[in-house]
């Protein structure tokens, strides 16, 4: 399963633990909106390319 994590205000300890646990069995992609200048189109493409999307 492909899981996309969209992080709005930085990665917390809880966020890191969950991502680390999920990455053992799933393909993980992380988008940190506060650190990256990402195009709207790229975010939408990633959302539709993944099976699950989590917004933090």
N, C-alpha and C. Protein backbone atom coordinates (compact mmCIF):
# COMPACT_ATOMS: atom_id res chain seq x y z
N UNK A 1 0.84 -1.17 0.00
CA UNK A 1 0.00 0.00 0.00
C UNK A 1 0.89 1.24 0.00
N UNK A 2 0.52 2.23 -0.77
CA UNK A 2 1.21 3.51 -0.79
C UNK A 2 0.47 4.49 0.12
N UNK A 3 1.21 5.08 1.06
CA UNK A 3 0.62 6.01 2.01
C UNK A 3 1.33 7.35 1.88
N UNK A 4 0.56 8.40 1.72
CA UNK A 4 1.08 9.76 1.64
C UNK A 4 0.77 10.49 2.94
N UNK A 5 1.80 11.06 3.54
CA UNK A 5 1.63 11.89 4.74
C UNK A 5 1.89 13.34 4.33
N UNK A 6 0.89 14.17 4.52
CA UNK A 6 1.04 15.60 4.25
C UNK A 6 1.18 16.29 5.60
N UNK A 7 2.35 16.88 5.82
CA UNK A 7 2.68 17.50 7.10
C UNK A 7 2.57 19.01 6.96
N UNK A 8 1.73 19.63 7.79
CA UNK A 8 1.53 21.07 7.71
C UNK A 8 2.50 21.86 8.58
N UNK A 9 2.74 21.41 9.81
CA UNK A 9 3.52 22.21 10.77
C UNK A 9 4.74 21.46 11.31
N UNK A 10 5.36 20.64 10.53
CA UNK A 10 6.54 19.91 10.97
C UNK A 10 6.20 18.57 11.56
N UNK A 11 7.20 17.69 11.54
CA UNK A 11 7.02 16.33 12.05
C UNK A 11 7.23 16.32 13.55
N UNK A 12 6.26 15.75 14.27
CA UNK A 12 6.34 15.60 15.72
C UNK A 12 6.85 14.20 16.05
N UNK A 13 7.10 13.94 17.30
CA UNK A 13 7.53 12.60 17.72
C UNK A 13 6.48 11.55 17.38
N UNK A 14 5.21 11.87 17.62
CA UNK A 14 4.12 10.93 17.30
C UNK A 14 4.06 10.67 15.81
N UNK A 15 4.15 11.72 15.01
CA UNK A 15 4.12 11.57 13.56
C UNK A 15 5.26 10.67 13.10
N UNK A 16 6.46 10.91 13.61
CA UNK A 16 7.63 10.12 13.22
C UNK A 16 7.45 8.65 13.59
N UNK A 17 6.91 8.37 14.79
CA UNK A 17 6.70 6.98 15.22
C UNK A 17 5.71 6.27 14.30
N UNK A 18 4.63 6.94 13.96
CA UNK A 18 3.62 6.33 13.09
C UNK A 18 4.19 6.08 11.70
N UNK A 19 4.90 7.05 11.15
CA UNK A 19 5.50 6.89 9.82
C UNK A 19 6.53 5.76 9.84
N UNK A 20 7.36 5.70 10.87
CA UNK A 20 8.36 4.64 10.97
C UNK A 20 7.71 3.26 11.03
N UNK A 21 6.64 3.15 11.80
CA UNK A 21 5.94 1.88 11.92
C UNK A 21 5.31 1.48 10.59
N UNK A 22 4.66 2.42 9.92
CA UNK A 22 4.02 2.12 8.64
C UNK A 22 5.04 1.78 7.56
N UNK A 23 6.21 2.39 7.61
CA UNK A 23 7.21 2.18 6.56
C UNK A 23 7.78 0.77 6.56
N UNK A 24 7.56 0.01 7.61
CA UNK A 24 8.03 -1.38 7.65
C UNK A 24 7.25 -2.26 6.70
N UNK A 25 5.99 -1.92 6.44
CA UNK A 25 5.14 -2.76 5.61
C UNK A 25 4.56 -2.04 4.39
N UNK A 26 4.75 -0.72 4.30
CA UNK A 26 4.12 0.05 3.23
C UNK A 26 5.12 1.02 2.60
N UNK A 27 4.80 1.45 1.41
CA UNK A 27 5.59 2.49 0.75
C UNK A 27 5.08 3.84 1.24
N UNK A 28 5.96 4.66 1.76
CA UNK A 28 5.59 5.93 2.39
C UNK A 28 6.16 7.10 1.59
N UNK A 29 5.34 8.13 1.42
CA UNK A 29 5.81 9.40 0.86
C UNK A 29 5.40 10.49 1.84
N UNK A 30 6.31 11.45 2.05
CA UNK A 30 6.05 12.55 2.98
C UNK A 30 6.19 13.86 2.23
N UNK A 31 5.20 14.72 2.39
CA UNK A 31 5.26 16.08 1.86
C UNK A 31 5.17 17.02 3.05
N UNK A 32 6.22 17.79 3.27
CA UNK A 32 6.22 18.79 4.34
C UNK A 32 5.94 20.14 3.71
N UNK A 33 4.71 20.61 3.87
CA UNK A 33 4.30 21.86 3.23
C UNK A 33 5.04 23.07 3.78
N UNK A 34 5.46 23.01 5.03
CA UNK A 34 6.15 24.16 5.63
C UNK A 34 7.60 24.29 5.18
N UNK A 35 8.19 23.21 4.64
CA UNK A 35 9.59 23.24 4.24
C UNK A 35 9.80 23.26 2.74
N UNK A 36 8.80 22.94 1.97
CA UNK A 36 8.99 22.79 0.54
C UNK A 36 8.09 23.73 -0.23
N UNK A 37 8.57 24.16 -1.36
CA UNK A 37 7.77 24.95 -2.27
C UNK A 37 7.26 24.00 -3.36
N UNK A 38 6.11 23.40 -3.11
CA UNK A 38 5.57 22.37 -3.98
C UNK A 38 4.40 22.93 -4.77
N UNK A 39 4.32 22.54 -6.01
CA UNK A 39 3.21 23.00 -6.83
C UNK A 39 1.93 22.26 -6.44
N UNK A 40 0.82 22.93 -6.62
CA UNK A 40 -0.49 22.35 -6.34
C UNK A 40 -0.69 21.08 -7.17
N UNK A 41 -0.28 21.12 -8.42
CA UNK A 41 -0.44 19.98 -9.31
C UNK A 41 0.33 18.76 -8.81
N UNK A 42 1.54 18.97 -8.28
CA UNK A 42 2.35 17.86 -7.76
C UNK A 42 1.70 17.22 -6.55
N UNK A 43 1.14 18.03 -5.67
CA UNK A 43 0.45 17.50 -4.49
C UNK A 43 -0.77 16.69 -4.91
N UNK A 44 -1.54 17.20 -5.84
CA UNK A 44 -2.73 16.49 -6.33
C UNK A 44 -2.32 15.17 -6.97
N UNK A 45 -1.27 15.18 -7.79
CA UNK A 45 -0.79 13.95 -8.42
C UNK A 45 -0.40 12.92 -7.36
N UNK A 46 0.30 13.35 -6.31
CA UNK A 46 0.69 12.44 -5.24
C UNK A 46 -0.52 11.89 -4.49
N UNK A 47 -1.51 12.73 -4.27
CA UNK A 47 -2.72 12.27 -3.58
C UNK A 47 -3.40 11.15 -4.36
N UNK A 48 -3.54 11.33 -5.65
CA UNK A 48 -4.21 10.31 -6.46
C UNK A 48 -3.35 9.09 -6.73
N UNK A 49 -2.03 9.21 -6.57
CA UNK A 49 -1.13 8.08 -6.79
C UNK A 49 -1.05 7.15 -5.58
N UNK A 50 -1.53 7.63 -4.43
CA UNK A 50 -1.44 6.84 -3.19
C UNK A 50 -2.78 6.22 -2.84
N UNK A 51 -2.70 5.12 -2.06
CA UNK A 51 -3.90 4.43 -1.62
C UNK A 51 -4.53 5.09 -0.40
N UNK A 52 -3.69 5.74 0.41
CA UNK A 52 -4.17 6.38 1.64
C UNK A 52 -3.43 7.70 1.81
N UNK A 53 -4.15 8.72 2.27
CA UNK A 53 -3.56 10.04 2.50
C UNK A 53 -3.87 10.45 3.94
N UNK A 54 -2.83 10.87 4.66
CA UNK A 54 -2.99 11.34 6.03
C UNK A 54 -2.47 12.77 6.08
N UNK A 55 -3.29 13.66 6.60
CA UNK A 55 -2.89 15.06 6.73
C UNK A 55 -2.71 15.37 8.21
N UNK A 56 -1.54 15.91 8.54
CA UNK A 56 -1.22 16.22 9.94
C UNK A 56 -1.23 17.71 10.13
